[in-house]
Amino acid sequence: AEYLAYEKGMHVLVIMTDMTNYCEALREISAARREVPGRRGYPGYLY
């Protein structure tokens, strides 16, 4: 999107679904790394 927008001058709409699955993947990797979990087991750096 950034390439098309800022280098090719296009208006780009980015639709991402489902961000919950992305956050679950973060939690899975965090657990495998044995990091101290934050709220509901998600990593403290989720924000």
All heavy atoms as atom14 arrays in JSON, in Angstrom:
{
  "sequence": "AEYLAYEKGMHVLVIMTDMTNYCEALREISAARREVPGRRGYPGYLY",
  "atom14_mask": [
    [1, 1, 1, 1, 1, 0, 0, 0, 0, 0, 0, 0, 0, 0],
    [1, 1, 1, 1, 1, 1, 1, 1, 1, 0, 0, 0, 0, 0],
    [1, 1, 1, 1, 1, 1, 1, 1, 1, 1, 1, 1, 0, 0],
    [1, 1, 1, 1, 1, 1, 1, 1, 0, 0, 0, 0, 0, 0],
    [1, 1, 1, 1, 1, 0, 0, 0, 0, 0, 0, 0, 0, 0],
    [1, 1, 1, 1, 1, 1, 1, 1, 1, 1, 1, 1, 0, 0],
    [1, 1, 1, 1, 1, 1, 1, 1, 1, 0, 0, 0, 0, 0],
    [1, 1, 1, 1, 1, 1, 1, 1, 1, 0, 0, 0, 0, 0],
    [1, 1, 1, 1, 0, 0, 0, 0, 0, 0, 0, 0, 0, 0],
    [1, 1, 1, 1, 1, 1, 1, 1, 0, 0, 0, 0, 0, 0],
    [1, 1, 1, 1, 1, 1, 1, 1, 1, 1, 0, 0, 0, 0],
    [1, 1, 1, 1, 1, 1, 1, 0, 0, 0, 0, 0, 0, 0],
    [1, 1, 1, 1, 1, 1, 1, 1, 0, 0, 0, 0, 0, 0],
    [1, 1, 1, 1, 1, 1, 1, 0, 0, 0, 0, 0, 0, 0],
    [1, 1, 1, 1, 1, 1, 1, 1, 0, 0, 0, 0, 0, 0],
    [1, 1, 1, 1, 1, 1, 1, 1, 0, 0, 0, 0, 0, 0],
    [1, 1, 1, 1, 1, 1, 1, 0, 0, 0, 0, 0, 0, 0],
    [1, 1, 1, 1, 1, 1, 1, 1, 0, 0, 0, 0, 0, 0],
    [1, 1, 1, 1, 1, 1, 1, 1, 0, 0, 0, 0, 0, 0],
    [1, 1, 1, 1, 1, 1, 1, 0, 0, 0, 0, 0, 0, 0],
    [1, 1, 1, 1, 1, 1, 1, 1, 0, 0, 0, 0, 0, 0],
    [1, 1, 1, 1, 1, 1, 1, 1, 1, 1, 1, 1, 0, 0],
    [1, 1, 1, 1, 1, 1, 0, 0, 0, 0, 0, 0, 0, 0],
    [1, 1, 1, 1, 1, 1, 1, 1, 1, 0, 0, 0, 0, 0],
    [1, 1, 1, 1, 1, 0, 0, 0, 0, 0, 0, 0, 0, 0],
    [1, 1, 1, 1, 1, 1, 1, 1, 0, 0, 0, 0, 0, 0],
    [1, 1, 1, 1, 1, 1, 1, 1, 1, 1, 1, 0, 0, 0],
    [1, 1, 1, 1, 1, 1, 1, 1, 1, 0, 0, 0, 0, 0],
    [1, 1, 1, 1, 1, 1, 1, 1, 0, 0, 0, 0, 0, 0],
    [1, 1, 1, 1, 1, 1, 0, 0, 0, 0, 0, 0, 0, 0],
    [1, 1, 1, 1, 1, 0, 0, 0, 0, 0, 0, 0, 0, 0],
    [1, 1, 1, 1, 1, 0, 0, 0, 0, 0, 0, 0, 0, 0],
    [1, 1, 1, 1, 1, 1, 1, 1, 1, 1, 1, 0, 0, 0],
    [1, 1, 1, 1, 1, 1, 1, 1, 1, 1, 1, 0, 0, 0],
    [1, 1, 1, 1, 1, 1, 1, 1, 1, 0, 0, 0, 0, 0],
    [1, 1, 1, 1, 1, 1, 1, 0, 0, 0, 0, 0, 0, 0],
    [1, 1, 1, 1, 1, 1, 1, 0, 0, 0, 0, 0, 0, 0],
    [1, 1, 1, 1, 0, 0, 0, 0, 0, 0, 0, 0, 0, 0],
    [1, 1, 1, 1, 1, 1, 1, 1, 1, 1, 1, 0, 0, 0],
    [1, 1, 1, 1, 1, 1, 1, 1, 1, 1, 1, 0, 0, 0],
    [1, 1, 1, 1, 0, 0, 0, 0, 0, 0, 0, 0, 0, 0],
    [1, 1, 1, 1, 1, 1, 1, 1, 1, 1, 1, 1, 0, 0],
    [1, 1, 1, 1, 1, 1, 1, 0, 0, 0, 0, 0, 0, 0],
    [1, 1, 1, 1, 0, 0, 0, 0, 0, 0, 0, 0, 0, 0],
    [1, 1, 1, 1, 1, 1, 1, 1, 1, 1, 1, 1, 0, 0],
    [1, 1, 1, 1, 1, 1, 1, 1, 0, 0, 0, 0, 0, 0],
    [1, 1, 1, 1, 1, 1, 1, 1, 1, 1, 1, 1, 0, 0]
  ],
  "atom14_positions": [
    [[0.83, -1.21, 0.0], [0.0, 0.0, 0.0], [0.86, 1.26, 0.0], [0.58, 2.22, -0.73], [-0.93, -0.01, 1.21], [0.0, 0.0, 0.0], [0.0, 0.0, 0.0], [0.0, 0.0, 0.0], [0.0, 0.0, 0.0], [0.0, 0.0, 0.0], [0.0, 0.0, 0.0], [0.0, 0.0, 0.0], [0.0, 0.0, 0.0], [0.0, 0.0, 0.0]],
    [[1.91, 1.28, 0.82], [2.78, 2.45, 0.9], [3.5, 2.69, -0.43], [3.65, 3.84, -0.86], [3.79, 2.27, 2.03], [3.16, 2.38, 3.41], [4.08, 1.91, 4.53], [5.07, 1.19, 4.23], [3.81, 2.25, 5.69], [0.0, 0.0, 0.0], [0.0, 0.0, 0.0], [0.0, 0.0, 0.0], [0.0, 0.0, 0.0], [0.0, 0.0, 0.0]],
    [[3.9, 1.63, -1.08], [4.56, 1.76, -2.39], [3.6, 2.38, -3.41], [3.95, 3.34, -4.11], [5.04, 0.39, -2.86], [5.43, 0.34, -4.32], [6.64, 0.88, -4.76], [4.56, -0.22, -5.26], [6.99, 0.84, -6.11], [4.9, -0.26, -6.6], [6.11, 0.27, -7.03], [6.44, 0.24, -8.35], [0.0, 0.0, 0.0], [0.0, 0.0, 0.0]],
    [[2.39, 1.84, -3.49], [1.41, 2.35, -4.47], [1.0, 3.79, -4.14], [0.78, 4.6, -5.05], [0.17, 1.45, -4.48], [0.38, 0.02, -5.0], [-0.89, -0.8, -4.82], [0.81, 0.02, -6.46], [0.0, 0.0, 0.0], [0.0, 0.0, 0.0], [0.0, 0.0, 0.0], [0.0, 0.0, 0.0], [0.0, 0.0, 0.0], [0.0, 0.0, 0.0]],
    [[0.92, 4.12, -2.85], [0.46, 5.45, -2.44], [1.54, 6.5, -2.6], [1.34, 7.53, -3.26], [-0.02, 5.4, -0.99], [0.0, 0.0, 0.0], [0.0, 0.0, 0.0], [0.0, 0.0, 0.0], [0.0, 0.0, 0.0], [0.0, 0.0, 0.0], [0.0, 0.0, 0.0], [0.0, 0.0, 0.0], [0.0, 0.0, 0.0], [0.0, 0.0, 0.0]],
    [[2.7, 6.26, -1.99], [3.7, 7.32, -1.88], [4.66, 7.37, -3.06], [5.31, 8.39, -3.28], [4.47, 7.16, -0.57], [3.56, 7.14, 0.65], [3.76, 6.24, 1.69], [2.48, 8.02, 0.75], [2.93, 6.22, 2.8], [1.65, 8.01, 1.85], [1.87, 7.1, 2.88], [1.02, 7.09, 3.96], [0.0, 0.0, 0.0], [0.0, 0.0, 0.0]],
    [[4.75, 6.28, -3.83], [5.64, 6.28, -4.98], [4.88, 6.31, -6.31], [5.42, 6.78, -7.31], [6.58, 5.07, -4.93], [7.5, 5.1, -3.7], [8.63, 4.11, -3.8], [9.05, 3.81, -4.95], [9.11, 3.65, -2.75], [0.0, 0.0, 0.0], [0.0, 0.0, 0.0], [0.0, 0.0, 0.0], [0.0, 0.0, 0.0], [0.0, 0.0, 0.0]],
    [[3.65, 5.82, -6.31], [2.86, 5.8, -7.55], [1.67, 6.75, -7.5], [0.88, 6.8, -8.45], [2.4, 4.37, -7.85], [3.54, 3.38, -8.06], [4.46, 3.85, -9.19], [5.68, 2.94, -9.33], [6.58, 3.39, -10.41], [0.0, 0.0, 0.0], [0.0, 0.0, 0.0], [0.0, 0.0, 0.0], [0.0, 0.0, 0.0], [0.0, 0.0, 0.0]],
    [[1.5, 7.48, -6.38], [0.47, 8.5, -6.3], [-0.95, 8.01, -6.25], [-1.88, 8.73, -6.62], [0.0, 0.0, 0.0], [0.0, 0.0, 0.0], [0.0, 0.0, 0.0], [0.0, 0.0, 0.0], [0.0, 0.0, 0.0], [0.0, 0.0, 0.0], [0.0, 0.0, 0.0], [0.0, 0.0, 0.0], [0.0, 0.0, 0.0], [0.0, 0.0, 0.0]],
    [[-1.18, 6.8, -5.78], [-2.53, 6.23, -5.74], [-3.17, 6.44, -4.37], [-2.48, 6.55, -3.36], [-2.49, 4.74, -6.08], [-1.91, 4.44, -7.44], [-1.72, 2.67, -7.77], [-3.42, 2.22, -8.1], [0.0, 0.0, 0.0], [0.0, 0.0, 0.0], [0.0, 0.0, 0.0], [0.0, 0.0, 0.0], [0.0, 0.0, 0.0], [0.0, 0.0, 0.0]],
    [[-4.5, 6.52, -4.35], [-5.24, 6.5, -3.1], [-5.51, 5.04, -2.77], [-6.18, 4.34, -3.55], [-6.55, 7.26, -3.21], [-6.38, 8.7, -3.6], [-5.46, 9.52, -2.98], [-6.97, 9.46, -4.55], [-5.52, 10.72, -3.52], [-6.42, 10.71, -4.48], [0.0, 0.0, 0.0], [0.0, 0.0, 0.0], [0.0, 0.0, 0.0], [0.0, 0.0, 0.0]],
    [[-5.0, 4.56, -1.64], [-5.06, 3.13, -1.33], [-5.88, 2.91, -0.07], [-5.62, 3.55, 0.96], [-3.64, 2.54, -1.15], [-3.72, 1.03, -0.95], [-2.76, 2.86, -2.36], [0.0, 0.0, 0.0], [0.0, 0.0, 0.0], [0.0, 0.0, 0.0], [0.0, 0.0, 0.0], [0.0, 0.0, 0.0], [0.0, 0.0, 0.0], [0.0, 0.0, 0.0]],
    [[-6.85, 2.01, -0.17], [-7.63, 1.59, 0.99], [-7.17, 0.21, 1.39], [-7.21, -0.73, 0.58], [-9.13, 1.58, 0.65], [-10.06, 1.09, 1.76], [-10.04, 2.04, 2.95], [-11.49, 0.95, 1.24], [0.0, 0.0, 0.0], [0.0, 0.0, 0.0], [0.0, 0.0, 0.0], [0.0, 0.0, 0.0], [0.0, 0.0, 0.0], [0.0, 0.0, 0.0]],
    [[-6.71, 0.07, 2.64], [-6.22, -1.22, 3.14], [-7.28, -1.82, 4.06], [-7.67, -1.2, 5.06], [-4.9, -1.05, 3.92], [-4.38, -2.41, 4.39], [-3.85, -0.35, 3.05], [0.0, 0.0, 0.0], [0.0, 0.0, 0.0], [0.0, 0.0, 0.0], [0.0, 0.0, 0.0], [0.0, 0.0, 0.0], [0.0, 0.0, 0.0], [0.0, 0.0, 0.0]],
    [[-7.77, -3.0, 3.71], [-8.73, -3.73, 4.54], [-8.03, -4.95, 5.1], [-7.53, -5.79, 4.34], [-9.97, -4.13, 3.72], [-10.65, -2.89, 3.13], [-10.96, -4.92, 4.58], [-11.79, -3.2, 2.18], [0.0, 0.0, 0.0], [0.0, 0.0, 0.0], [0.0, 0.0, 0.0], [0.0, 0.0, 0.0], [0.0, 0.0, 0.0], [0.0, 0.0, 0.0]],
    [[-7.98, -5.06, 6.44], [-7.3, -6.19, 7.09], [-8.29, -6.93, 7.97], [-8.88, -6.36, 8.88], [-6.12, -5.68, 7.94], [-5.09, -4.9, 7.15], [-3.62, -4.41, 8.1], [-4.32, -3.16, 9.19], [0.0, 0.0, 0.0], [0.0, 0.0, 0.0], [0.0, 0.0, 0.0], [0.0, 0.0, 0.0], [0.0, 0.0, 0.0], [0.0, 0.0, 0.0]],
    [[-8.49, -8.2, 7.71], [-9.39, -9.03, 8.51], [-8.78, -10.42, 8.66], [-8.3, -10.98, 7.69], [-10.78, -9.11, 7.84], [-11.63, -9.91, 8.64], [-10.75, -9.72, 6.46], [0.0, 0.0, 0.0], [0.0, 0.0, 0.0], [0.0, 0.0, 0.0], [0.0, 0.0, 0.0], [0.0, 0.0, 0.0], [0.0, 0.0, 0.0], [0.0, 0.0, 0.0]],
    [[-8.63, -10.96, 9.83], [-9.19, -10.52, 11.09], [-8.02, -10.22, 12.02], [-7.15, -11.07, 12.22], [-10.08, -11.64, 11.63], [-10.74, -11.37, 12.95], [-10.36, -10.44, 13.66], [-11.66, -12.13, 13.31], [0.0, 0.0, 0.0], [0.0, 0.0, 0.0], [0.0, 0.0, 0.0], [0.0, 0.0, 0.0], [0.0, 0.0, 0.0], [0.0, 0.0, 0.0]],
    [[-7.97, -8.99, 12.57], [-6.86, -8.58, 13.41], [-6.8, -9.4, 14.71], [-5.76, -9.49, 15.35], [-6.96, -7.09, 13.73], [-6.72, -6.17, 12.55], [-5.13, -6.45, 11.75], [-4.0, -6.01, 13.07], [0.0, 0.0, 0.0], [0.0, 0.0, 0.0], [0.0, 0.0, 0.0], [0.0, 0.0, 0.0], [0.0, 0.0, 0.0], [0.0, 0.0, 0.0]],
    [[-7.92, -10.0, 15.12], [-7.91, -10.87, 16.3], [-6.99, -12.06, 16.06], [-6.26, -12.49, 16.97], [-9.33, -11.33, 16.63], [-10.13, -10.17, 16.93], [-9.36, -12.27, 17.84], [0.0, 0.0, 0.0], [0.0, 0.0, 0.0], [0.0, 0.0, 0.0], [0.0, 0.0, 0.0], [0.0, 0.0, 0.0], [0.0, 0.0, 0.0], [0.0, 0.0, 0.0]],
    [[-7.01, -12.62, 14.85], [-6.12, -13.74, 14.53], [-4.66, -13.32, 14.59], [-3.79, -14.09, 15.01], [-6.45, -14.3, 13.15], [-7.83, -14.93, 13.09], [-8.35, -15.4, 14.1], [-8.44, -14.93, 11.92], [0.0, 0.0, 0.0], [0.0, 0.0, 0.0], [0.0, 0.0, 0.0], [0.0, 0.0, 0.0], [0.0, 0.0, 0.0], [0.0, 0.0, 0.0]],
    [[-4.38, -12.08, 14.16], [-3.01, -11.56, 14.26], [-2.57, -11.49, 15.72], [-1.45, -11.91, 16.06], [-2.97, -10.16, 13.62], [-1.67, -9.42, 13.85], [-0.56, -9.65, 13.04], [-1.54, -8.49, 14.88], [0.63, -8.98, 13.24], [-0.35, -7.8, 15.08], [0.72, -8.05, 14.26], [1.9, -7.39, 14.48], [0.0, 0.0, 0.0], [0.0, 0.0, 0.0]],
    [[-3.43, -10.99, 16.58], [-3.08, -10.86, 18.01], [-2.93, -12.23, 18.67], [-2.09, -12.41, 19.56], [-4.14, -10.03, 18.73], [-4.22, -8.31, 18.17], [0.0, 0.0, 0.0], [0.0, 0.0, 0.0], [0.0, 0.0, 0.0], [0.0, 0.0, 0.0], [0.0, 0.0, 0.0], [0.0, 0.0, 0.0], [0.0, 0.0, 0.0], [0.0, 0.0, 0.0]],
    [[-3.73, -13.2, 18.23], [-3.59, -14.56, 18.77], [-2.23, -15.15, 18.38], [-1.61, -15.87, 19.15], [-4.72, -15.46, 18.25], [-6.11, -15.09, 18.74], [-6.3, -15.3, 20.23], [-5.49, -16.02, 20.85], [-7.26, -14.75, 20.79], [0.0, 0.0, 0.0], [0.0, 0.0, 0.0], [0.0, 0.0, 0.0], [0.0, 0.0, 0.0], [0.0, 0.0, 0.0]],
    [[-1.77, -14.86, 17.17], [-0.46, -15.33, 16.75], [0.64, -14.69, 17.59], [1.61, -15.36, 17.99], [-0.24, -15.02, 15.27], [0.0, 0.0, 0.0], [0.0, 0.0, 0.0], [0.0, 0.0, 0.0], [0.0, 0.0, 0.0], [0.0, 0.0, 0.0], [0.0, 0.0, 0.0], [0.0, 0.0, 0.0], [0.0, 0.0, 0.0], [0.0, 0.0, 0.0]],
    [[0.49, -13.4, 17.9], [1.45, -12.73, 18.79], [1.49, -13.41, 20.15], [2.56, -13.61, 20.73], [1.06, -11.26, 18.98], [1.49, -10.24, 17.93], [1.03, -8.85, 18.36], [3.0, -10.26, 17.73], [0.0, 0.0, 0.0], [0.0, 0.0, 0.0], [0.0, 0.0, 0.0], [0.0, 0.0, 0.0], [0.0, 0.0, 0.0], [0.0, 0.0, 0.0]],
    [[0.3, -13.75, 20.67], [0.24, -14.4, 21.98], [0.89, -15.78, 21.95], [1.59, -16.17, 22.9], [-1.23, -14.52, 22.43], [-1.38, -15.16, 23.79], [-2.74, -14.91, 24.42], [-3.82, -15.58, 23.72], [-5.08, -15.63, 24.18], [-5.39, -15.04, 25.33], [-6.02, -16.24, 23.5], [0.0, 0.0, 0.0], [0.0, 0.0, 0.0], [0.0, 0.0, 0.0]],
    [[0.7, -16.49, 20.84], [1.3, -17.82, 20.71], [2.82, -17.74, 20.72], [3.51, -18.53, 21.4], [0.8, -18.47, 19.41], [1.32, -19.88, 19.21], [0.75, -20.51, 17.95], [-0.41, -20.24, 17.61], [1.49, -21.27, 17.3], [0.0, 0.0, 0.0], [0.0, 0.0, 0.0], [0.0, 0.0, 0.0], [0.0, 0.0, 0.0], [0.0, 0.0, 0.0]],
    [[3.37, -16.78, 19.96], [4.83, -16.62, 19.91], [5.36, -16.16, 21.27], [6.4, -16.61, 21.74], [5.22, -15.61, 18.82], [4.74, -16.1, 17.45], [6.72, -15.37, 18.81], [5.26, -17.47, 17.09], [0.0, 0.0, 0.0], [0.0, 0.0, 0.0], [0.0, 0.0, 0.0], [0.0, 0.0, 0.0], [0.0, 0.0, 0.0], [0.0, 0.0, 0.0]],
    [[4.63, -15.26, 21.91], [5.05, -14.77, 23.22], [5.11, -15.9, 24.24], [6.04, -15.99, 25.04], [4.08, -13.68, 23.7], [4.4, -13.25, 25.0], [0.0, 0.0, 0.0], [0.0, 0.0, 0.0], [0.0, 0.0, 0.0], [0.0, 0.0, 0.0], [0.0, 0.0, 0.0], [0.0, 0.0, 0.0], [0.0, 0.0, 0.0], [0.0, 0.0, 0.0]],
    [[4.11, -16.8, 24.19], [4.1, -17.93, 25.11], [5.27, -18.88, 24.83], [5.9, -19.4, 25.76], [2.77, -18.67, 25.01], [0.0, 0.0, 0.0], [0.0, 0.0, 0.0], [0.0, 0.0, 0.0], [0.0, 0.0, 0.0], [0.0, 0.0, 0.0], [0.0, 0.0, 0.0], [0.0, 0.0, 0.0], [0.0, 0.0, 0.0], [0.0, 0.0, 0.0]],
    [[5.56, -19.09, 23.54], [6.68, -19.97, 23.19], [8.01, -19.39, 23.67], [8.93, -20.13, 24.01], [6.71, -20.19, 21.68], [0.0, 0.0, 0.0], [0.0, 0.0, 0.0], [0.0, 0.0, 0.0], [0.0, 0.0, 0.0], [0.0, 0.0, 0.0], [0.0, 0.0, 0.0], [0.0, 0.0, 0.0], [0.0, 0.0, 0.0], [0.0, 0.0, 0.0]],
    [[8.08, -18.04, 23.72], [9.32, -17.38, 24.18], [9.37, -17.3, 25.71], [10.32, -16.76, 26.27], [9.41, -15.98, 23.59], [9.58, -15.96, 22.1], [9.53, -14.55, 21.54], [10.66, -13.74, 21.98], [10.86, -12.48, 21.62], [9.99, -11.89, 20.81], [11.91, -11.8, 22.05], [0.0, 0.0, 0.0], [0.0, 0.0, 0.0], [0.0, 0.0, 0.0]],
    [[8.32, -17.79, 26.36], [8.21, -17.79, 27.82], [8.26, -16.37, 28.39], [8.86, -16.11, 29.44], [9.3, -18.65, 28.46], [9.25, -20.1, 28.05], [10.3, -20.93, 28.79], [10.24, -22.33, 28.4], [10.96, -22.87, 27.44], [11.8, -22.1, 26.75], [10.85, -24.15, 27.15], [0.0, 0.0, 0.0], [0.0, 0.0, 0.0], [0.0, 0.0, 0.0]],
    [[7.63, -15.42, 27.68], [7.57, -14.04, 28.17], [6.5, -13.91, 29.24], [5.52, -14.67, 29.27], [7.24, -13.09, 27.0], [8.33, -13.03, 25.96], [7.94, -12.2, 24.75], [6.73, -12.05, 24.51], [8.84, -11.72, 24.05], [0.0, 0.0, 0.0], [0.0, 0.0, 0.0], [0.0, 0.0, 0.0], [0.0, 0.0, 0.0], [0.0, 0.0, 0.0]],
    [[6.67, -12.95, 30.11], [5.67, -12.69, 31.15], [4.42, -12.14, 30.47], [4.48, -11.12, 29.78], [6.2, -11.68, 32.19], [5.11, -11.37, 33.22], [7.45, -12.22, 32.86], [0.0, 0.0, 0.0], [0.0, 0.0, 0.0], [0.0, 0.0, 0.0], [0.0, 0.0, 0.0], [0.0, 0.0, 0.0], [0.0, 0.0, 0.0], [0.0, 0.0, 0.0]],
    [[3.27, -12.8, 30.62], [2.07, -12.36, 29.91], [1.46, -11.1, 30.53], [1.62, -10.82, 31.71], [1.11, -13.55, 30.07], [1.56, -14.23, 31.33], [3.04, -14.03, 31.41], [0.0, 0.0, 0.0], [0.0, 0.0, 0.0], [0.0, 0.0, 0.0], [0.0, 0.0, 0.0], [0.0, 0.0, 0.0], [0.0, 0.0, 0.0], [0.0, 0.0, 0.0]],
    [[0.74, -10.34, 29.69], [-0.01, -9.18, 30.15], [-1.48, -9.53, 30.29], [-1.82, -10.66, 30.67], [0.0, 0.0, 0.0], [0.0, 0.0, 0.0], [0.0, 0.0, 0.0], [0.0, 0.0, 0.0], [0.0, 0.0, 0.0], [0.0, 0.0, 0.0], [0.0, 0.0, 0.0], [0.0, 0.0, 0.0], [0.0, 0.0, 0.0], [0.0, 0.0, 0.0]],
    [[-2.37, -8.6, 29.96], [-3.81, -8.82, 30.09], [-4.26, -10.01, 29.25], [-3.96, -10.1, 28.07], [-4.58, -7.58, 29.65], [-4.44, -6.38, 30.55], [-4.97, -5.11, 29.9], [-6.38, -5.22, 29.52], [-7.0, -4.36, 28.72], [-6.34, -3.34, 28.2], [-8.28, -4.52, 28.44], [0.0, 0.0, 0.0], [0.0, 0.0, 0.0], [0.0, 0.0, 0.0]],
    [[-4.98, -10.94, 29.9], [-5.55, -12.12, 29.25], [-4.52, -12.93, 28.46], [-4.83, -13.56, 27.45], [-6.7, -11.72, 28.32], [-7.83, -10.99, 29.04], [-9.14, -11.25, 28.39], [-10.19, -10.43, 28.97], [-11.46, -10.47, 28.62], [-11.84, -11.32, 27.67], [-12.36, -9.69, 29.18], [0.0, 0.0, 0.0], [0.0, 0.0, 0.0], [0.0, 0.0, 0.0]],
    [[-3.28, -12.88, 28.91], [-2.23, -13.69, 28.29], [-1.57, -13.07, 27.09], [-0.63, -13.64, 26.54], [0.0, 0.0, 0.0], [0.0, 0.0, 0.0], [0.0, 0.0, 0.0], [0.0, 0.0, 0.0], [0.0, 0.0, 0.0], [0.0, 0.0, 0.0], [0.0, 0.0, 0.0], [0.0, 0.0, 0.0], [0.0, 0.0, 0.0], [0.0, 0.0, 0.0]],
    [[-2.05, -11.91, 26.64], [-1.41, -11.24, 25.5], [-0.12, -10.58, 25.97], [0.01, -10.18, 27.13], [-2.35, -10.2, 24.89], [-3.55, -10.82, 24.22], [-4.75, -10.96, 24.92], [-3.48, -11.29, 22.91], [-5.85, -11.56, 24.32], [-4.58, -11.89, 22.31], [-5.75, -12.02, 23.02], [-6.83, -12.63, 22.43], [0.0, 0.0, 0.0], [0.0, 0.0, 0.0]],
    [[0.86, -10.44, 25.07], [2.14, -9.83, 25.49], [1.95, -8.38, 25.91], [1.06, -7.67, 25.41], [3.01, -9.94, 24.24], [2.07, -10.12, 23.1], [0.88, -10.85, 23.65], [0.0, 0.0, 0.0], [0.0, 0.0, 0.0], [0.0, 0.0, 0.0], [0.0, 0.0, 0.0], [0.0, 0.0, 0.0], [0.0, 0.0, 0.0], [0.0, 0.0, 0.0]],
    [[2.78, -7.92, 26.81], [2.68, -6.56, 27.31], [2.93, -5.51, 26.25], [2.53, -4.36, 26.41], [0.0, 0.0, 0.0], [0.0, 0.0, 0.0], [0.0, 0.0, 0.0], [0.0, 0.0, 0.0], [0.0, 0.0, 0.0], [0.0, 0.0, 0.0], [0.0, 0.0, 0.0], [0.0, 0.0, 0.0], [0.0, 0.0, 0.0], [0.0, 0.0, 0.0]],
    [[3.56, -5.91, 25.14], [3.85, -4.96, 24.07], [2.77, -4.98, 22.98], [3.0, -4.5, 21.86], [5.22, -5.25, 23.44], [5.45, -6.7, 23.05], [4.93, -7.21, 21.86], [6.19, -7.55, 23.87], [5.14, -8.53, 21.5], [6.4, -8.87, 23.53], [5.87, -9.36, 22.33], [6.06, -10.67, 21.99], [0.0, 0.0, 0.0], [0.0, 0.0, 0.0]],
    [[1.58, -5.53, 23.27], [0.52, -5.62, 22.26], [0.15, -4.23, 21.72], [-0.01, -4.04, 20.52], [-0.72, -6.3, 22.85], [-1.91, -6.46, 21.91], [-1.55, -7.33, 20.71], [-3.12, -7.07, 22.65], [0.0, 0.0, 0.0], [0.0, 0.0, 0.0], [0.0, 0.0, 0.0], [0.0, 0.0, 0.0], [0.0, 0.0, 0.0], [0.0, 0.0, 0.0]],
    [[0.03, -3.25, 22.61], [-0.32, -1.88, 22.19], [0.72, -1.35, 21.2], [0.38, -0.84, 20.13], [-0.42, -0.97, 23.42], [-0.7, 0.48, 23.1], [-2.01, 0.95, 23.04], [0.33, 1.38, 22.86], [-2.28, 2.28, 22.74], [0.07, 2.71, 22.55], [-1.23, 3.15, 22.5], [-1.5, 4.46, 22.2], [0.0, 0.0, 0.0], [0.0, 0.0, 0.0]]
  ]
}
